[in-house]
Amino acid sequence: ITAYQSQNDQYLKVIKTLALNQINEANRVIDLMKSDTQYFAQSQLK
């Protein structure tokens, strides 16, 4: 049980790290898309 709990904690930590990385990557992509969209919109408006 202790071993499984420790393993689960490690898995949760990895999952959390991966999730944060995914979120950060998603935010970066969103920011990039937002910037591109904004630039594209401004270009289209211009």
All heavy atoms as atom14 arrays in JSON, in Angstrom:
{
  "sequence": "ITAYQSQNDQYLKVIKTLALNQINEANRVIDLMKSDTQYFAQSQLK",
  "atom14_mask": [
    [1, 1, 1, 1, 1, 1, 1, 1, 0, 0, 0, 0, 0, 0],
    [1, 1, 1, 1, 1, 1, 1, 0, 0, 0, 0, 0, 0, 0],
    [1, 1, 1, 1, 1, 0, 0, 0, 0, 0, 0, 0, 0, 0],
    [1, 1, 1, 1, 1, 1, 1, 1, 1, 1, 1, 1, 0, 0],
    [1, 1, 1, 1, 1, 1, 1, 1, 1, 0, 0, 0, 0, 0],
    [1, 1, 1, 1, 1, 1, 0, 0, 0, 0, 0, 0, 0, 0],
    [1, 1, 1, 1, 1, 1, 1, 1, 1, 0, 0, 0, 0, 0],
    [1, 1, 1, 1, 1, 1, 1, 1, 0, 0, 0, 0, 0, 0],
    [1, 1, 1, 1, 1, 1, 1, 1, 0, 0, 0, 0, 0, 0],
    [1, 1, 1, 1, 1, 1, 1, 1, 1, 0, 0, 0, 0, 0],
    [1, 1, 1, 1, 1, 1, 1, 1, 1, 1, 1, 1, 0, 0],
    [1, 1, 1, 1, 1, 1, 1, 1, 0, 0, 0, 0, 0, 0],
    [1, 1, 1, 1, 1, 1, 1, 1, 1, 0, 0, 0, 0, 0],
    [1, 1, 1, 1, 1, 1, 1, 0, 0, 0, 0, 0, 0, 0],
    [1, 1, 1, 1, 1, 1, 1, 1, 0, 0, 0, 0, 0, 0],
    [1, 1, 1, 1, 1, 1, 1, 1, 1, 0, 0, 0, 0, 0],
    [1, 1, 1, 1, 1, 1, 1, 0, 0, 0, 0, 0, 0, 0],
    [1, 1, 1, 1, 1, 1, 1, 1, 0, 0, 0, 0, 0, 0],
    [1, 1, 1, 1, 1, 0, 0, 0, 0, 0, 0, 0, 0, 0],
    [1, 1, 1, 1, 1, 1, 1, 1, 0, 0, 0, 0, 0, 0],
    [1, 1, 1, 1, 1, 1, 1, 1, 0, 0, 0, 0, 0, 0],
    [1, 1, 1, 1, 1, 1, 1, 1, 1, 0, 0, 0, 0, 0],
    [1, 1, 1, 1, 1, 1, 1, 1, 0, 0, 0, 0, 0, 0],
    [1, 1, 1, 1, 1, 1, 1, 1, 0, 0, 0, 0, 0, 0],
    [1, 1, 1, 1, 1, 1, 1, 1, 1, 0, 0, 0, 0, 0],
    [1, 1, 1, 1, 1, 0, 0, 0, 0, 0, 0, 0, 0, 0],
    [1, 1, 1, 1, 1, 1, 1, 1, 0, 0, 0, 0, 0, 0],
    [1, 1, 1, 1, 1, 1, 1, 1, 1, 1, 1, 0, 0, 0],
    [1, 1, 1, 1, 1, 1, 1, 0, 0, 0, 0, 0, 0, 0],
    [1, 1, 1, 1, 1, 1, 1, 1, 0, 0, 0, 0, 0, 0],
    [1, 1, 1, 1, 1, 1, 1, 1, 0, 0, 0, 0, 0, 0],
    [1, 1, 1, 1, 1, 1, 1, 1, 0, 0, 0, 0, 0, 0],
    [1, 1, 1, 1, 1, 1, 1, 1, 0, 0, 0, 0, 0, 0],
    [1, 1, 1, 1, 1, 1, 1, 1, 1, 0, 0, 0, 0, 0],
    [1, 1, 1, 1, 1, 1, 0, 0, 0, 0, 0, 0, 0, 0],
    [1, 1, 1, 1, 1, 1, 1, 1, 0, 0, 0, 0, 0, 0],
    [1, 1, 1, 1, 1, 1, 1, 0, 0, 0, 0, 0, 0, 0],
    [1, 1, 1, 1, 1, 1, 1, 1, 1, 0, 0, 0, 0, 0],
    [1, 1, 1, 1, 1, 1, 1, 1, 1, 1, 1, 1, 0, 0],
    [1, 1, 1, 1, 1, 1, 1, 1, 1, 1, 1, 0, 0, 0],
    [1, 1, 1, 1, 1, 0, 0, 0, 0, 0, 0, 0, 0, 0],
    [1, 1, 1, 1, 1, 1, 1, 1, 1, 0, 0, 0, 0, 0],
    [1, 1, 1, 1, 1, 1, 0, 0, 0, 0, 0, 0, 0, 0],
    [1, 1, 1, 1, 1, 1, 1, 1, 1, 0, 0, 0, 0, 0],
    [1, 1, 1, 1, 1, 1, 1, 1, 0, 0, 0, 0, 0, 0],
    [1, 1, 1, 1, 1, 1, 1, 1, 1, 0, 0, 0, 0, 0]
  ],
  "atom14_positions": [
    [[0.84, -1.21, 0.0], [0.0, 0.0, 0.0], [0.87, 1.25, 0.0], [0.63, 2.21, -0.75], [-0.96, 0.0, 1.2], [-2.02, -1.1, 1.02], [-1.62, 1.36, 1.37], [-2.89, -1.32, 2.23], [0.0, 0.0, 0.0], [0.0, 0.0, 0.0], [0.0, 0.0, 0.0], [0.0, 0.0, 0.0], [0.0, 0.0, 0.0], [0.0, 0.0, 0.0]],
    [[1.92, 1.22, 0.86], [2.84, 2.36, 0.92], [3.55, 2.56, -0.42], [3.7, 3.69, -0.9], [3.88, 2.13, 2.03], [3.21, 1.96, 3.29], [4.83, 3.31, 2.13], [0.0, 0.0, 0.0], [0.0, 0.0, 0.0], [0.0, 0.0, 0.0], [0.0, 0.0, 0.0], [0.0, 0.0, 0.0], [0.0, 0.0, 0.0], [0.0, 0.0, 0.0]],
    [[3.99, 1.42, -1.0], [4.67, 1.49, -2.3], [3.73, 2.04, -3.37], [4.12, 2.89, -4.18], [5.19, 0.11, -2.68], [0.0, 0.0, 0.0], [0.0, 0.0, 0.0], [0.0, 0.0, 0.0], [0.0, 0.0, 0.0], [0.0, 0.0, 0.0], [0.0, 0.0, 0.0], [0.0, 0.0, 0.0], [0.0, 0.0, 0.0], [0.0, 0.0, 0.0]],
    [[2.48, 1.53, -3.38], [1.51, 2.0, -4.36], [1.19, 3.48, -4.15], [1.03, 4.23, -5.12], [0.23, 1.17, -4.26], [0.35, -0.23, -4.79], [-0.36, -1.28, -4.22], [1.2, -0.52, -5.87], [-0.23, -2.58, -4.7], [1.32, -1.81, -6.36], [0.6, -2.83, -5.77], [0.73, -4.11, -6.24], [0.0, 0.0, 0.0], [0.0, 0.0, 0.0]],
    [[1.09, 3.87, -2.86], [0.79, 5.27, -2.56], [1.91, 6.17, -3.06], [1.67, 7.23, -3.67], [0.6, 5.45, -1.05], [0.17, 6.86, -0.65], [-1.19, 7.2, -1.22], [-2.12, 6.43, -1.09], [-1.31, 8.37, -1.86], [0.0, 0.0, 0.0], [0.0, 0.0, 0.0], [0.0, 0.0, 0.0], [0.0, 0.0, 0.0], [0.0, 0.0, 0.0]],
    [[3.16, 5.74, -2.8], [4.32, 6.51, -3.27], [4.34, 6.57, -4.79], [4.59, 7.63, -5.38], [5.6, 5.85, -2.75], [6.74, 6.51, -3.24], [0.0, 0.0, 0.0], [0.0, 0.0, 0.0], [0.0, 0.0, 0.0], [0.0, 0.0, 0.0], [0.0, 0.0, 0.0], [0.0, 0.0, 0.0], [0.0, 0.0, 0.0], [0.0, 0.0, 0.0]],
    [[4.05, 5.42, -5.41], [4.01, 5.37, -6.86], [2.91, 6.26, -7.42], [3.11, 6.98, -8.41], [3.81, 3.93, -7.32], [4.07, 3.69, -8.79], [3.96, 2.22, -9.15], [3.04, 1.53, -8.7], [4.89, 1.73, -9.95], [0.0, 0.0, 0.0], [0.0, 0.0, 0.0], [0.0, 0.0, 0.0], [0.0, 0.0, 0.0], [0.0, 0.0, 0.0]],
    [[1.75, 6.21, -6.75], [0.63, 7.06, -7.17], [0.99, 8.53, -7.06], [0.64, 9.35, -7.92], [-0.62, 6.75, -6.36], [-1.25, 5.43, -6.73], [-1.0, 4.92, -7.82], [-2.04, 4.87, -5.85], [0.0, 0.0, 0.0], [0.0, 0.0, 0.0], [0.0, 0.0, 0.0], [0.0, 0.0, 0.0], [0.0, 0.0, 0.0], [0.0, 0.0, 0.0]],
    [[1.68, 8.87, -5.94], [2.1, 10.26, -5.74], [3.03, 10.7, -6.87], [2.94, 11.83, -7.38], [2.8, 10.42, -4.4], [1.83, 10.28, -3.23], [0.6, 10.38, -3.46], [2.29, 10.05, -2.1], [0.0, 0.0, 0.0], [0.0, 0.0, 0.0], [0.0, 0.0, 0.0], [0.0, 0.0, 0.0], [0.0, 0.0, 0.0], [0.0, 0.0, 0.0]],
    [[3.94, 9.79, -7.26], [4.84, 10.11, -8.36], [4.08, 10.28, -9.67], [4.35, 11.2, -10.45], [5.89, 8.99, -8.5], [6.87, 8.93, -7.32], [7.85, 7.78, -7.47], [7.78, 7.02, -8.42], [8.77, 7.67, -6.51], [0.0, 0.0, 0.0], [0.0, 0.0, 0.0], [0.0, 0.0, 0.0], [0.0, 0.0, 0.0], [0.0, 0.0, 0.0]],
    [[3.13, 9.34, -9.87], [2.32, 9.44, -11.09], [1.53, 10.75, -11.12], [1.43, 11.42, -12.16], [1.36, 8.26, -11.17], [2.01, 6.96, -11.55], [1.44, 5.74, -11.19], [3.21, 6.92, -12.26], [2.04, 4.52, -11.52], [3.81, 5.72, -12.6], [3.23, 4.53, -12.23], [3.81, 3.36, -12.56], [0.0, 0.0, 0.0], [0.0, 0.0, 0.0]],
    [[0.93, 11.1, -9.96], [0.17, 12.35, -9.89], [1.06, 13.56, -10.15], [0.65, 14.53, -10.83], [-0.49, 12.47, -8.51], [-1.67, 11.53, -8.25], [-2.12, 11.63, -6.8], [-2.84, 11.86, -9.19], [0.0, 0.0, 0.0], [0.0, 0.0, 0.0], [0.0, 0.0, 0.0], [0.0, 0.0, 0.0], [0.0, 0.0, 0.0], [0.0, 0.0, 0.0]],
    [[2.29, 13.48, -9.61], [3.22, 14.58, -9.82], [3.59, 14.7, -11.29], [3.62, 15.82, -11.85], [4.48, 14.33, -8.99], [5.48, 15.48, -9.04], [6.66, 15.19, -8.11], [7.66, 16.36, -8.16], [8.83, 16.09, -7.28], [0.0, 0.0, 0.0], [0.0, 0.0, 0.0], [0.0, 0.0, 0.0], [0.0, 0.0, 0.0], [0.0, 0.0, 0.0]],
    [[3.83, 13.53, -11.92], [4.15, 13.53, -13.35], [2.96, 14.05, -14.16], [3.12, 14.88, -15.08], [4.54, 12.11, -13.81], [4.64, 12.05, -15.33], [5.86, 11.7, -13.18], [0.0, 0.0, 0.0], [0.0, 0.0, 0.0], [0.0, 0.0, 0.0], [0.0, 0.0, 0.0], [0.0, 0.0, 0.0], [0.0, 0.0, 0.0], [0.0, 0.0, 0.0]],
    [[1.76, 13.52, -13.79], [0.55, 13.95, -14.5], [0.33, 15.45, -14.34], [0.0, 16.16, -15.3], [-0.68, 13.17, -13.99], [-0.56, 11.68, -14.4], [-1.97, 13.77, -14.52], [-1.6, 10.79, -13.76], [0.0, 0.0, 0.0], [0.0, 0.0, 0.0], [0.0, 0.0, 0.0], [0.0, 0.0, 0.0], [0.0, 0.0, 0.0], [0.0, 0.0, 0.0]],
    [[0.55, 15.93, -13.1], [0.38, 17.36, -12.83], [1.36, 18.18, -13.66], [1.01, 19.22, -14.24], [0.56, 17.62, -11.35], [0.3, 19.07, -10.94], [0.42, 19.24, -9.44], [0.15, 20.69, -9.03], [0.28, 20.87, -7.57], [0.0, 0.0, 0.0], [0.0, 0.0, 0.0], [0.0, 0.0, 0.0], [0.0, 0.0, 0.0], [0.0, 0.0, 0.0]],
    [[2.62, 17.69, -13.66], [3.66, 18.39, -14.44], [3.3, 18.41, -15.92], [3.4, 19.45, -16.59], [5.02, 17.72, -14.23], [5.36, 17.73, -12.84], [6.1, 18.43, -15.03], [0.0, 0.0, 0.0], [0.0, 0.0, 0.0], [0.0, 0.0, 0.0], [0.0, 0.0, 0.0], [0.0, 0.0, 0.0], [0.0, 0.0, 0.0], [0.0, 0.0, 0.0]],
    [[2.91, 17.2, -16.42], [2.52, 17.11, -17.83], [1.32, 18.0, -18.13], [1.26, 18.66, -19.18], [2.21, 15.65, -18.2], [3.42, 14.69, -18.23], [2.94, 13.27, -18.46], [4.4, 15.11, -19.32], [0.0, 0.0, 0.0], [0.0, 0.0, 0.0], [0.0, 0.0, 0.0], [0.0, 0.0, 0.0], [0.0, 0.0, 0.0], [0.0, 0.0, 0.0]],
    [[0.36, 17.99, -17.2], [-0.84, 18.8, -17.4], [-0.49, 20.29, -17.43], [-0.98, 21.06, -18.28], [-1.85, 18.53, -16.29], [0.0, 0.0, 0.0], [0.0, 0.0, 0.0], [0.0, 0.0, 0.0], [0.0, 0.0, 0.0], [0.0, 0.0, 0.0], [0.0, 0.0, 0.0], [0.0, 0.0, 0.0], [0.0, 0.0, 0.0], [0.0, 0.0, 0.0]],
    [[0.41, 20.7, -16.49], [0.82, 22.11, -16.46], [1.56, 22.47, -17.74], [1.36, 23.56, -18.31], [1.7, 22.37, -15.24], [0.98, 22.37, -13.88], [1.99, 22.48, -12.74], [-0.03, 23.52, -13.8], [0.0, 0.0, 0.0], [0.0, 0.0, 0.0], [0.0, 0.0, 0.0], [0.0, 0.0, 0.0], [0.0, 0.0, 0.0], [0.0, 0.0, 0.0]],
    [[2.42, 21.52, -18.17], [3.15, 21.77, -19.42], [2.17, 21.9, -20.59], [2.33, 22.76, -21.46], [4.14, 20.64, -19.7], [5.31, 20.65, -18.71], [5.6, 21.68, -18.1], [5.99, 19.51, -18.56], [0.0, 0.0, 0.0], [0.0, 0.0, 0.0], [0.0, 0.0, 0.0], [0.0, 0.0, 0.0], [0.0, 0.0, 0.0], [0.0, 0.0, 0.0]],
    [[1.16, 21.0, -20.59], [0.17, 21.05, -21.66], [-0.62, 22.35, -21.61], [-0.9, 22.99, -22.66], [-0.79, 19.86, -21.54], [-0.15, 18.51, -21.86], [0.18, 18.4, -23.34], [-0.46, 19.04, -24.17], [1.19, 17.63, -23.67], [0.0, 0.0, 0.0], [0.0, 0.0, 0.0], [0.0, 0.0, 0.0], [0.0, 0.0, 0.0], [0.0, 0.0, 0.0]],
    [[-0.96, 22.73, -20.37], [-1.72, 23.99, -20.21], [-0.87, 25.17, -20.67], [-1.35, 26.07, -21.38], [-2.16, 24.16, -18.75], [-3.22, 23.1, -18.39], [-2.7, 25.57, -18.5], [-3.57, 23.05, -16.92], [0.0, 0.0, 0.0], [0.0, 0.0, 0.0], [0.0, 0.0, 0.0], [0.0, 0.0, 0.0], [0.0, 0.0, 0.0], [0.0, 0.0, 0.0]],
    [[0.4, 25.17, -20.23], [1.29, 26.26, -20.62], [1.46, 26.29, -22.14], [1.47, 27.37, -22.76], [2.64, 26.12, -19.94], [2.55, 26.35, -18.44], [1.64, 27.06, -17.98], [3.47, 25.78, -17.67], [0.0, 0.0, 0.0], [0.0, 0.0, 0.0], [0.0, 0.0, 0.0], [0.0, 0.0, 0.0], [0.0, 0.0, 0.0], [0.0, 0.0, 0.0]],
    [[1.65, 25.08, -22.71], [1.8, 25.0, -24.16], [0.53, 25.48, -24.85], [0.58, 26.22, -25.86], [2.12, 23.57, -24.57], [2.29, 23.36, -26.07], [3.48, 24.12, -26.64], [4.35, 24.53, -25.84], [3.53, 24.32, -27.87], [0.0, 0.0, 0.0], [0.0, 0.0, 0.0], [0.0, 0.0, 0.0], [0.0, 0.0, 0.0], [0.0, 0.0, 0.0]],
    [[-0.62, 25.05, -24.27], [-1.9, 25.47, -24.85], [-2.06, 26.99, -24.75], [-2.5, 27.65, -25.7], [-3.05, 24.77, -24.14], [0.0, 0.0, 0.0], [0.0, 0.0, 0.0], [0.0, 0.0, 0.0], [0.0, 0.0, 0.0], [0.0, 0.0, 0.0], [0.0, 0.0, 0.0], [0.0, 0.0, 0.0], [0.0, 0.0, 0.0], [0.0, 0.0, 0.0]],
    [[-1.67, 27.53, -23.56], [-1.76, 28.98, -23.38], [-0.84, 29.71, -24.37], [-1.19, 30.75, -24.92], [-1.4, 29.36, -21.96], [-2.51, 28.98, -20.97], [-3.69, 28.87, -21.35], [-2.15, 28.77, -19.71], [0.0, 0.0, 0.0], [0.0, 0.0, 0.0], [0.0, 0.0, 0.0], [0.0, 0.0, 0.0], [0.0, 0.0, 0.0], [0.0, 0.0, 0.0]],
    [[0.37, 29.1, -24.54], [1.32, 29.72, -25.48], [0.75, 29.7, -26.9], [0.82, 30.7, -27.63], [2.65, 28.96, -25.44], [3.76, 29.64, -26.24], [4.98, 28.75, -26.26], [4.76, 27.56, -27.05], [4.81, 27.54, -28.37], [5.04, 28.62, -29.08], [4.57, 26.42, -29.03], [0.0, 0.0, 0.0], [0.0, 0.0, 0.0], [0.0, 0.0, 0.0]],
    [[0.15, 28.51, -27.23], [-0.45, 28.4, -28.57], [-1.61, 29.37, -28.71], [-1.77, 30.04, -29.74], [-0.91, 26.95, -28.82], [-1.72, 26.87, -30.12], [0.29, 26.03, -28.91], [0.0, 0.0, 0.0], [0.0, 0.0, 0.0], [0.0, 0.0, 0.0], [0.0, 0.0, 0.0], [0.0, 0.0, 0.0], [0.0, 0.0, 0.0], [0.0, 0.0, 0.0]],
    [[-2.42, 29.43, -27.61], [-3.58, 30.35, -27.64], [-3.1, 31.79, -27.79], [-3.65, 32.58, -28.57], [-4.44, 30.17, -26.39], [-5.13, 28.81, -26.43], [-5.46, 31.3, -26.27], [-5.84, 28.46, -25.14], [0.0, 0.0, 0.0], [0.0, 0.0, 0.0], [0.0, 0.0, 0.0], [0.0, 0.0, 0.0], [0.0, 0.0, 0.0], [0.0, 0.0, 0.0]],
    [[-2.05, 32.1, -26.97], [-1.52, 33.47, -27.07], [-0.99, 33.74, -28.47], [-1.19, 34.85, -29.02], [-0.4, 33.68, -26.05], [-0.94, 33.7, -24.61], [-2.16, 33.92, -24.45], [-0.14, 33.49, -23.66], [0.0, 0.0, 0.0], [0.0, 0.0, 0.0], [0.0, 0.0, 0.0], [0.0, 0.0, 0.0], [0.0, 0.0, 0.0], [0.0, 0.0, 0.0]],
    [[-0.3, 32.71, -29.02], [0.25, 32.87, -30.36], [-0.89, 33.03, -31.38], [-0.84, 33.91, -32.27], [1.11, 31.66, -30.71], [1.79, 31.68, -32.09], [2.73, 32.89, -32.19], [2.56, 30.4, -32.32], [0.0, 0.0, 0.0], [0.0, 0.0, 0.0], [0.0, 0.0, 0.0], [0.0, 0.0, 0.0], [0.0, 0.0, 0.0], [0.0, 0.0, 0.0]],
    [[-1.93, 32.16, -31.2], [-3.06, 32.26, -32.1], [-3.78, 33.58, -31.93], [-4.25, 34.21, -32.91], [-4.02, 31.1, -31.85], [-3.47, 29.74, -32.25], [-4.61, 28.41, -31.84], [-5.99, 28.82, -32.92], [0.0, 0.0, 0.0], [0.0, 0.0, 0.0], [0.0, 0.0, 0.0], [0.0, 0.0, 0.0], [0.0, 0.0, 0.0], [0.0, 0.0, 0.0]],
    [[-3.86, 33.98, -30.67], [-4.53, 35.26, -30.39], [-3.78, 36.4, -31.04], [-4.36, 37.31, -31.66], [-4.61, 35.46, -28.88], [-5.32, 36.74, -28.47], [-5.38, 36.84, -26.95], [-6.08, 38.13, -26.5], [-6.11, 38.25, -25.04], [0.0, 0.0, 0.0], [0.0, 0.0, 0.0], [0.0, 0.0, 0.0], [0.0, 0.0, 0.0], [0.0, 0.0, 0.0]],
    [[-2.41, 36.33, -30.91], [-1.59, 37.37, -31.51], [-1.71, 37.33, -33.03], [-1.87, 38.39, -33.67], [-0.12, 37.16, -31.1], [0.71, 38.1, -31.74], [0.0, 0.0, 0.0], [0.0, 0.0, 0.0], [0.0, 0.0, 0.0], [0.0, 0.0, 0.0], [0.0, 0.0, 0.0], [0.0, 0.0, 0.0], [0.0, 0.0, 0.0], [0.0, 0.0, 0.0]],
    [[-1.67, 36.08, -33.57], [-1.8, 35.95, -35.02], [-3.18, 36.43, -35.49], [-3.32, 37.11, -36.53], [-1.6, 34.5, -35.45], [-0.16, 34.05, -35.28], [0.72, 34.92, -35.1], [0.09, 32.82, -35.28], [0.0, 0.0, 0.0], [0.0, 0.0, 0.0], [0.0, 0.0, 0.0], [0.0, 0.0, 0.0], [0.0, 0.0, 0.0], [0.0, 0.0, 0.0]],
    [[-4.2, 36.02, -34.71], [-5.57, 36.43, -35.07], [-5.72, 37.94, -35.03], [-6.33, 38.56, -35.9], [-6.58, 35.78, -34.12], [-6.43, 34.36, -34.19], [-8.0, 36.16, -34.49], [0.0, 0.0, 0.0], [0.0, 0.0, 0.0], [0.0, 0.0, 0.0], [0.0, 0.0, 0.0], [0.0, 0.0, 0.0], [0.0, 0.0, 0.0], [0.0, 0.0, 0.0]],
    [[-5.11, 38.5, -33.94], [-5.2, 39.95, -33.79], [-4.48, 40.66, -34.94], [-4.98, 41.63, -35.52], [-4.6, 40.35, -32.44], [-4.81, 41.83, -32.11], [-4.3, 42.16, -30.72], [-3.43, 41.45, -30.2], [-4.82, 43.2, -30.12], [0.0, 0.0, 0.0], [0.0, 0.0, 0.0], [0.0, 0.0, 0.0], [0.0, 0.0, 0.0], [0.0, 0.0, 0.0]],
    [[-3.29, 40.1, -35.25], [-2.52, 40.69, -36.36], [-3.28, 40.54, -37.67], [-3.38, 41.48, -38.47], [-1.17, 40.0, -36.44], [-0.35, 40.41, -37.64], [0.34, 41.63, -37.65], [-0.3, 39.58, -38.77], [1.07, 42.01, -38.78], [0.43, 39.95, -39.89], [1.12, 41.16, -39.89], [1.84, 41.54, -41.01], [0.0, 0.0, 0.0], [0.0, 0.0, 0.0]],
    [[-3.85, 39.3, -37.87], [-4.61, 39.05, -39.09], [-5.84, 39.96, -39.16], [-6.16, 40.53, -40.22], [-5.03, 37.58, -39.14], [-5.83, 37.23, -40.35], [-5.2, 37.09, -41.61], [-7.21, 37.07, -40.28], [-5.95, 36.78, -42.74], [-7.95, 36.77, -41.41], [-7.33, 36.62, -42.65], [0.0, 0.0, 0.0], [0.0, 0.0, 0.0], [0.0, 0.0, 0.0]],
    [[-6.49, 40.09, -38.0], [-7.69, 40.95, -37.97], [-7.33, 42.39, -38.27], [-8.03, 43.09, -39.03], [-8.36, 40.83, -36.6], [0.0, 0.0, 0.0], [0.0, 0.0, 0.0], [0.0, 0.0, 0.0], [0.0, 0.0, 0.0], [0.0, 0.0, 0.0], [0.0, 0.0, 0.0], [0.0, 0.0, 0.0], [0.0, 0.0, 0.0], [0.0, 0.0, 0.0]],
    [[-6.21, 42.82, -37.65], [-5.79, 44.21, -37.87], [-5.42, 44.4, -39.34], [-5.7, 45.44, -39.94], [-4.6, 44.54, -36.97], [-5.0, 44.66, -35.5], [-3.79, 44.88, -34.6], [-2.64, 44.72, -35.04], [-4.05, 45.26, -33.35], [0.0, 0.0, 0.0], [0.0, 0.0, 0.0], [0.0, 0.0, 0.0], [0.0, 0.0, 0.0], [0.0, 0.0, 0.0]],
    [[-4.73, 43.34, -39.89], [-4.35, 43.44, -41.3], [-5.59, 43.5, -42.18], [-5.65, 44.28, -43.15], [-3.52, 42.22, -41.7], [-2.31, 42.19, -40.97], [0.0, 0.0, 0.0], [0.0, 0.0, 0.0], [0.0, 0.0, 0.0], [0.0, 0.0, 0.0], [0.0, 0.0, 0.0], [0.0, 0.0, 0.0], [0.0, 0.0, 0.0], [0.0, 0.0, 0.0]],
    [[-6.58, 42.62, -41.83], [-7.81, 42.61, -42.6], [-8.55, 43.93, -42.47], [-9.1, 44.47, -43.46], [-8.72, 41.44, -42.12], [-8.18, 40.07, -42.46], [-8.12, 39.85, -43.97], [-9.02, 40.25, -44.73], [-7.03, 39.25, -44.43], [0.0, 0.0, 0.0], [0.0, 0.0, 0.0], [0.0, 0.0, 0.0], [0.0, 0.0, 0.0], [0.0, 0.0, 0.0]],
    [[-8.55, 44.47, -41.26], [-9.2, 45.76, -41.04], [-8.51, 46.87, -41.84], [-9.14, 47.75, -42.43], [-9.22, 46.12, -39.55], [-10.18, 45.29, -38.68], [-9.97, 45.62, -37.2], [-11.64, 45.58, -39.07], [0.0, 0.0, 0.0], [0.0, 0.0, 0.0], [0.0, 0.0, 0.0], [0.0, 0.0, 0.0], [0.0, 0.0, 0.0], [0.0, 0.0, 0.0]],
    [[-7.18, 46.8, -41.81], [-6.4, 47.8, -42.53], [-6.64, 47.69, -44.02], [-6.83, 48.71, -44.72], [-4.92, 47.61, -42.2], [-4.03, 48.71, -42.8], [-2.6, 48.52, -42.35], [-1.72, 49.63, -42.94], [-0.31, 49.47, -42.54], [0.0, 0.0, 0.0], [0.0, 0.0, 0.0], [0.0, 0.0, 0.0], [0.0, 0.0, 0.0], [0.0, 0.0, 0.0]]
  ]
}
